[in-house]
């Protein structure tokens, strides 16, 4: 590593420390409070499509206020929020209850069963809506996220819209590196899986707005008791969609935790989690192979999957070279 790179790395590590994360949250919450104040003065129109946001919650008392503040700050007048408490043992549930007067909020409680069960139960609780999306409870939305997503979806009629993400660590905010090819061509309207193979790089559930009738019609659910539950679920959504939009604007703030318990995606050295990663990616590969045979995908989709494994998953698990090379191989 060159001297310049070492200096840059040292600066990044310094600015990523927990104290800077709290400073970053303080600044962000100040913005959210200002936005919420003006929303109270100039009330957004309620004559817009209904959007429901499902938030699975487990022991996130440190992060939940910022998450919910980002929803209070939305300049959108027809918003419903579903918080699913997954058996939290800290103050998360009490914090959620404090927002009952500030949000159109439904709270669902369950025994601890994991994020997939929480998401699925949140979806089941929805009685009616026009659009639906997910938000992880340690993350947050940009203040105008929902309005931008709905505007795009209403413009094109696509089955869902997926948007770019800012990765936040300490006070360092950068666009996600591993998904940059997805958004490299700018905003794309009414594309599909075969037309945009690079989309396989982004299989997170939380940076997209789903048309409710599309999500329900295809019976989309997350596999329970699995890590990396997004992989197969979002691949199905990509394959089911007649058309989706790529919105090349960062609307989601994805937190890399620098204190307390790490999120699942940060726990890279756990053997069970790596096994689940490989197994879920094998299912994704099989789904793409089946789609190629059915004419809904091409060899370019398999090549993009292979590239994703060797660029992203191998970077996270360099000690698993042979396993990942076998996974990336195209027959």
Protein backbone atom coordinates (compact mmCIF):
# COMPACT_ATOMS: atom_id res chain seq x y z
CA UNK A 1 0.00 0.00 0.00
CA UNK A 2 1.40 3.39 -0.99
CA UNK A 3 2.01 6.19 1.51
CA UNK A 4 -0.92 8.19 0.13
CA UNK A 5 -3.25 5.21 0.47
CA UNK A 6 -2.05 4.57 4.01
CA UNK A 7 -2.75 8.19 4.93
CA UNK A 8 -6.20 8.04 3.35
CA UNK A 9 -6.93 4.79 5.14
CA UNK A 10 -5.82 6.22 8.47
CA UNK A 11 -8.07 9.24 7.93
CA UNK A 12 -11.00 7.01 7.03
CA UNK A 13 -10.48 4.83 10.10
CA UNK A 14 -10.25 7.91 12.34
CA UNK A 15 -13.45 9.48 10.96
CA UNK A 16 -15.25 6.13 11.28
CA UNK A 17 -14.85 5.95 15.05
CA UNK A 18 -17.97 5.70 17.28
CA UNK A 19 -17.76 9.29 18.46
CA UNK A 20 -18.06 10.49 14.89
CA UNK A 21 -21.05 8.20 14.34
CA UNK A 22 -22.85 9.99 17.15
CA UNK A 23 -21.91 13.37 15.66
CA UNK A 24 -23.19 12.23 12.27
CA UNK A 25 -26.49 11.11 13.80
CA UNK A 26 -26.82 14.41 15.65
CA UNK A 27 -26.41 16.40 12.44
CA UNK A 28 -28.78 14.11 10.56
CA UNK A 29 -31.43 14.30 13.25
CA UNK A 30 -31.16 18.09 13.24
CA UNK A 31 -32.01 18.03 9.54
CA UNK A 32 -34.90 15.65 10.16
CA UNK A 33 -36.30 17.87 12.93
CA UNK A 34 -36.20 20.94 10.68
CA UNK A 35 -37.90 19.03 7.86
CA UNK A 36 -40.56 17.74 10.25
CA UNK A 37 -41.22 21.28 11.49
CA UNK A 38 -41.81 22.59 7.97
CA UNK A 39 -43.98 19.58 7.16
CA UNK A 40 -46.13 20.64 10.08
CA UNK A 41 -46.37 24.19 8.73
CA UNK A 42 -46.84 23.34 5.05
CA UNK A 43 -48.68 20.05 5.34
CA UNK A 44 -48.02 17.70 2.38
CA UNK A 45 -51.07 16.73 0.35
CA UNK A 46 -52.81 13.53 1.42
CA UNK A 47 -54.15 13.08 -2.11
CA UNK A 48 -51.25 10.84 -3.13
CA UNK A 49 -50.81 7.05 -3.32
CA UNK A 50 -50.50 5.31 0.03
CA UNK A 51 -47.03 4.03 0.95
CA UNK A 52 -46.47 1.52 3.75
CA UNK A 53 -43.00 1.09 5.25
CA UNK A 54 -42.24 -2.13 7.18
CA UNK A 55 -39.48 -1.90 9.82
CA UNK A 56 -38.23 -5.03 11.61
CA UNK A 57 -36.89 -4.07 15.06
CA UNK A 58 -34.63 -5.97 17.44
CA UNK A 59 -32.57 -4.34 20.21
CA UNK A 60 -31.80 -1.10 18.37
CA UNK A 61 -32.52 1.51 21.02
CA UNK A 62 -29.34 3.34 19.96
CA UNK A 63 -30.44 3.68 16.32
CA UNK A 64 -34.25 3.55 16.22
CA UNK A 65 -34.92 7.25 16.92
CA UNK A 66 -32.89 8.29 13.86
CA UNK A 67 -34.70 5.69 11.76
CA UNK A 68 -38.15 6.88 12.81
CA UNK A 69 -37.17 10.56 12.64
CA UNK A 70 -36.34 10.01 8.98
CA UNK A 71 -39.97 8.99 8.42
CA UNK A 72 -41.40 11.93 10.37
CA UNK A 73 -39.27 14.12 8.09
CA UNK A 74 -40.71 12.75 4.85
CA UNK A 75 -42.52 15.37 2.80
CA UNK A 76 -45.19 12.84 1.94
CA UNK A 77 -48.79 13.02 3.09
CA UNK A 78 -50.04 9.42 2.85
CA UNK A 79 -47.55 7.33 4.77
CA UNK A 80 -48.19 4.29 6.96
CA UNK A 81 -45.43 2.77 9.08
CA UNK A 82 -45.44 -0.77 10.46
CA UNK A 83 -42.89 -1.48 13.21
CA UNK A 84 -42.48 -5.17 13.98
CA UNK A 85 -40.78 -5.70 17.33
CA UNK A 86 -38.95 -9.03 17.16
CA UNK A 87 -38.86 -9.71 20.88
CA UNK A 88 -36.53 -6.85 21.82
CA UNK A 89 -35.10 -6.94 25.33
CA UNK A 90 -34.00 -3.28 25.39
CA UNK A 91 -36.06 -0.09 25.13
CA UNK A 92 -36.80 -0.42 21.39
CA UNK A 93 -40.51 -1.11 21.82
CA UNK A 94 -40.95 1.82 24.23
CA UNK A 95 -39.15 4.10 21.77
CA UNK A 96 -41.46 3.00 18.96
CA UNK A 97 -44.52 3.75 21.10
CA UNK A 98 -43.28 7.33 21.56
CA UNK A 99 -43.85 7.86 17.83
CA UNK A 100 -47.51 6.79 17.81
CA UNK A 101 -48.57 10.45 17.96
CA UNK A 102 -46.09 11.56 15.29
CA UNK A 103 -46.59 8.90 12.64
CA UNK A 104 -49.44 6.88 11.19
CA UNK A 105 -47.90 3.94 13.02
CA UNK A 106 -48.90 0.34 13.62
CA UNK A 107 -46.83 -1.71 16.08
CA UNK A 108 -46.74 -5.49 15.73
CA UNK A 109 -45.06 -7.61 18.40
CA UNK A 110 -43.76 -11.16 18.12
CA UNK A 111 -41.47 -13.55 19.94
CA UNK A 112 -37.93 -13.38 18.63
CA UNK A 113 -37.97 -15.17 15.27
CA UNK A 114 -35.55 -13.18 13.12
CA UNK A 115 -35.69 -10.46 10.51
CA UNK A 116 -37.41 -12.59 7.84
CA UNK A 117 -40.32 -13.48 10.11
CA UNK A 118 -40.58 -9.84 11.20
CA UNK A 119 -40.71 -8.62 7.61
CA UNK A 120 -43.22 -11.29 6.61
CA UNK A 121 -45.47 -10.55 9.58
CA UNK A 122 -45.26 -6.83 8.87
CA UNK A 123 -46.41 -7.45 5.31
CA UNK A 124 -49.25 -9.69 6.52
CA UNK A 125 -50.49 -6.90 8.78
CA UNK A 126 -51.04 -4.54 5.85
CA UNK A 127 -54.75 -4.25 5.05
CA UNK A 128 -54.47 -1.91 2.09
CA UNK A 129 -51.83 0.23 0.42
CA UNK A 130 -50.61 1.26 -3.02
CA UNK A 131 -46.89 0.80 -2.44
CA UNK A 132 -44.75 -0.99 0.11
CA UNK A 133 -41.10 -0.86 1.11
CA UNK A 134 -38.74 -2.03 3.84
CA UNK A 135 -36.48 -0.04 6.13
CA UNK A 136 -33.97 -1.62 8.52
CA UNK A 137 -34.15 -0.17 12.00
CA UNK A 138 -30.49 0.91 12.21
CA UNK A 139 -30.74 2.75 8.86
CA UNK A 140 -32.68 5.76 7.63
CA UNK A 141 -34.18 7.41 4.55
CA UNK A 142 -33.15 10.63 2.91
CA UNK A 143 -35.76 13.25 3.79
CA UNK A 144 -37.35 13.27 0.32
CA UNK A 145 -36.89 9.57 -0.44
CA UNK A 146 -40.50 8.40 -0.58
CA UNK A 147 -41.71 11.32 -2.69
CA UNK A 148 -38.96 10.68 -5.27
CA UNK A 149 -39.66 6.97 -5.42
CA UNK A 150 -43.41 7.39 -5.82
CA UNK A 151 -42.95 10.06 -8.48
CA UNK A 152 -40.78 7.66 -10.46
CA UNK A 153 -43.16 4.71 -10.05
CA UNK A 154 -46.21 6.77 -11.04
CA UNK A 155 -44.38 8.09 -14.09
CA UNK A 156 -43.53 4.68 -15.58
CA UNK A 157 -45.95 2.18 -14.04
CA UNK A 158 -43.10 -0.23 -13.35
CA UNK A 159 -43.49 -3.05 -10.82
CA UNK A 160 -40.90 -1.53 -8.50
CA UNK A 161 -38.25 1.17 -8.30
CA UNK A 162 -34.81 0.60 -6.81
CA UNK A 163 -32.58 3.51 -5.86
CA UNK A 164 -28.98 4.13 -4.88
CA UNK A 165 -27.62 3.94 -1.33
CA UNK A 166 -25.20 5.92 0.80
CA UNK A 167 -22.99 3.79 3.05
CA UNK A 168 -22.43 5.57 6.36
CA UNK A 169 -19.65 4.77 8.82
CA UNK A 170 -18.84 7.32 11.47
CA UNK A 171 -19.04 10.64 9.69
CA UNK A 172 -17.95 9.15 6.34
CA UNK A 173 -20.74 8.99 3.76
CA UNK A 174 -20.04 7.41 0.37
CA UNK A 175 -22.06 5.65 -2.31
CA UNK A 176 -21.94 1.89 -2.06
CA UNK A 177 -18.96 0.59 -4.01
CA UNK A 178 -20.28 -2.91 -4.69
CA UNK A 179 -23.40 -1.68 -6.54
CA UNK A 180 -21.98 1.17 -8.59
CA UNK A 181 -22.35 -0.71 -11.88
CA UNK A 182 -26.09 -0.99 -11.21
CA UNK A 183 -26.44 2.80 -11.29
CA UNK A 184 -23.57 3.64 -13.65
CA UNK A 185 -25.88 4.33 -16.61
CA UNK A 186 -28.01 6.77 -14.66
CA UNK A 187 -31.74 6.46 -14.16
CA UNK A 188 -33.27 3.65 -16.25
CA UNK A 189 -36.98 3.35 -16.89
CA UNK A 190 -38.91 0.12 -17.53
CA UNK A 191 -35.86 -2.08 -17.76
CA UNK A 192 -35.82 -5.77 -16.79
CA UNK A 193 -33.51 -8.52 -15.60
CA UNK A 194 -32.38 -9.58 -19.08
CA UNK A 195 -31.80 -5.99 -20.19
CA UNK A 196 -29.79 -4.98 -17.12
CA UNK A 197 -27.66 -7.93 -15.94
CA UNK A 198 -25.59 -5.81 -13.53
CA UNK A 199 -28.64 -5.50 -11.28
CA UNK A 200 -27.70 -8.85 -9.67
CA UNK A 201 -25.08 -6.90 -7.69
CA UNK A 202 -27.81 -5.28 -5.61
CA UNK A 203 -30.00 -7.81 -3.79
CA UNK A 204 -30.90 -5.76 -0.71
CA UNK A 205 -34.58 -5.44 0.14
CA UNK A 206 -34.52 -1.97 1.62
CA UNK A 207 -33.70 0.39 -1.26
CA UNK A 208 -36.77 -0.27 -3.38
CA UNK A 209 -40.42 0.69 -3.55
CA UNK A 210 -42.74 -2.16 -4.58
CA UNK A 211 -46.12 -1.78 -6.21
CA UNK A 212 -48.35 -3.54 -3.68
CA UNK A 213 -50.38 -5.54 -6.19
CA UNK A 214 -47.13 -6.85 -7.73
CA UNK A 215 -45.73 -7.93 -4.35
CA UNK A 216 -48.94 -9.65 -3.25
CA UNK A 217 -49.72 -11.23 -6.63
CA UNK A 218 -46.43 -13.10 -6.63
CA UNK A 219 -46.62 -14.11 -2.97
CA UNK A 220 -43.14 -12.78 -2.21
CA UNK A 221 -41.85 -13.85 1.21
CA UNK A 222 -38.50 -14.01 2.96
CA UNK A 223 -37.11 -17.44 3.94
CA UNK A 224 -37.21 -17.70 7.72
CA UNK A 225 -34.29 -18.97 9.78
CA UNK A 226 -31.74 -17.95 7.15
CA UNK A 227 -29.04 -15.32 6.93
CA UNK A 228 -28.75 -13.32 3.67
CA UNK A 229 -32.48 -13.73 3.28
CA UNK A 230 -32.60 -10.91 0.72
CA UNK A 231 -30.66 -12.81 -1.95
CA UNK A 232 -33.28 -15.24 -3.24
CA UNK A 233 -36.25 -13.01 -2.39
CA UNK A 234 -34.98 -10.05 -4.38
CA UNK A 235 -33.84 -12.29 -7.25
CA UNK A 236 -37.41 -13.58 -7.49
CA UNK A 237 -38.69 -10.01 -7.58
CA UNK A 238 -36.25 -9.16 -10.38
CA UNK A 239 -37.36 -12.20 -12.38
CA UNK A 240 -41.09 -11.72 -11.71
CA UNK A 241 -41.04 -8.07 -12.80
CA UNK A 242 -42.12 -7.21 -16.31
CA UNK A 243 -40.34 -3.91 -15.75
CA UNK A 244 -38.54 -2.09 -12.95
CA UNK A 245 -36.85 1.31 -12.73
CA UNK A 246 -33.34 2.19 -11.60
CA UNK A 247 -33.32 5.57 -9.82
CA UNK A 248 -29.74 6.84 -9.79
CA UNK A 249 -30.24 8.95 -6.67
CA UNK A 250 -29.18 7.91 -3.15
CA UNK A 251 -32.35 7.70 -1.07
CA UNK A 252 -31.22 5.23 1.59
CA UNK A 253 -28.65 5.59 4.38
CA UNK A 254 -27.08 2.20 5.12
CA UNK A 255 -25.28 2.24 8.46
CA UNK A 256 -22.11 0.30 9.16
CA UNK A 257 -22.23 -0.03 12.93
CA UNK A 258 -19.15 1.11 14.82
CA UNK A 259 -20.38 0.34 18.32
CA UNK A 260 -22.35 -2.34 20.12
CA UNK A 261 -23.53 -5.50 18.39
CA UNK A 262 -22.66 -5.68 14.72
CA UNK A 263 -25.33 -6.24 12.08
CA UNK A 264 -25.50 -9.61 10.33
CA UNK A 265 -23.80 -8.31 7.18
CA UNK A 266 -20.84 -7.13 9.28
CA UNK A 267 -20.31 -10.53 10.91
CA UNK A 268 -18.20 -11.89 8.08
CA UNK A 269 -16.14 -14.52 9.90
CA UNK A 270 -19.01 -16.62 11.21
CA UNK A 271 -18.95 -20.11 9.63
CA UNK A 272 -22.73 -20.52 9.70
CA UNK A 273 -23.25 -17.19 8.00
CA UNK A 274 -20.76 -18.06 5.26
CA UNK A 275 -22.50 -21.39 4.72
CA UNK A 276 -25.83 -19.59 4.38
CA UNK A 277 -24.26 -17.05 1.99
CA UNK A 278 -23.01 -19.84 -0.28
CA UNK A 279 -26.29 -21.75 -0.12
CA UNK A 280 -28.40 -18.68 -0.87
CA UNK A 281 -26.11 -17.69 -3.76
CA UNK A 282 -26.34 -21.23 -5.14
CA UNK A 283 -30.13 -20.83 -5.15
CA UNK A 284 -29.77 -17.49 -6.94
CA UNK A 285 -27.57 -19.11 -9.58
CA UNK A 286 -30.09 -21.93 -10.07
CA UNK A 287 -32.89 -19.39 -10.48
CA UNK A 288 -30.92 -17.54 -13.15
CA UNK A 289 -30.13 -20.79 -14.96
CA UNK A 290 -33.83 -21.69 -14.97
CA UNK A 291 -34.68 -18.20 -16.23
CA UNK A 292 -32.20 -18.60 -19.09
CA UNK A 293 -33.94 -21.83 -20.14
CA UNK A 294 -37.31 -20.08 -19.90
CA UNK A 295 -36.15 -17.15 -22.02
CA UNK A 296 -36.38 -14.55 -19.22
CA UNK A 297 -32.61 -14.20 -18.85
CA UNK A 298 -29.49 -14.66 -20.97
CA UNK A 299 -25.93 -15.87 -20.57
CA UNK A 300 -25.04 -12.26 -19.78
CA UNK A 301 -27.03 -12.62 -16.54
CA UNK A 302 -24.97 -15.65 -15.55
CA UNK A 303 -21.77 -13.79 -16.39
CA UNK A 304 -22.90 -10.85 -14.26
CA UNK A 305 -23.62 -13.25 -11.38
CA UNK A 306 -20.16 -14.78 -11.75
CA UNK A 307 -18.62 -11.30 -11.75
CA UNK A 308 -20.55 -10.37 -8.62
CA UNK A 309 -19.29 -13.45 -6.75
CA UNK A 310 -15.65 -12.87 -7.71
CA UNK A 311 -15.70 -9.11 -7.10
CA UNK A 312 -17.92 -8.76 -4.06
CA UNK A 313 -18.32 -12.04 -2.20
CA UNK A 314 -14.67 -12.98 -2.66
CA UNK A 315 -13.59 -9.59 -1.32
CA UNK A 316 -15.56 -10.35 1.85
CA UNK A 317 -14.23 -13.91 2.10
CA UNK A 318 -10.75 -14.06 0.49
CA UNK A 319 -10.00 -17.26 2.42
CA UNK A 320 -12.84 -19.05 0.59
CA UNK A 321 -11.37 -18.71 -2.90
CA UNK A 322 -12.00 -22.27 -4.07
CA UNK A 323 -15.60 -22.34 -2.81
CA UNK A 324 -16.39 -19.08 -4.54
CA UNK A 325 -14.60 -20.00 -7.75
CA UNK A 326 -16.77 -23.13 -7.99
CA UNK A 327 -19.87 -21.02 -7.37
CA UNK A 328 -18.84 -18.51 -10.05
CA UNK A 329 -18.11 -21.13 -12.70
CA UNK A 330 -20.46 -21.10 -15.68
CA UNK A 331 -21.22 -24.45 -17.30
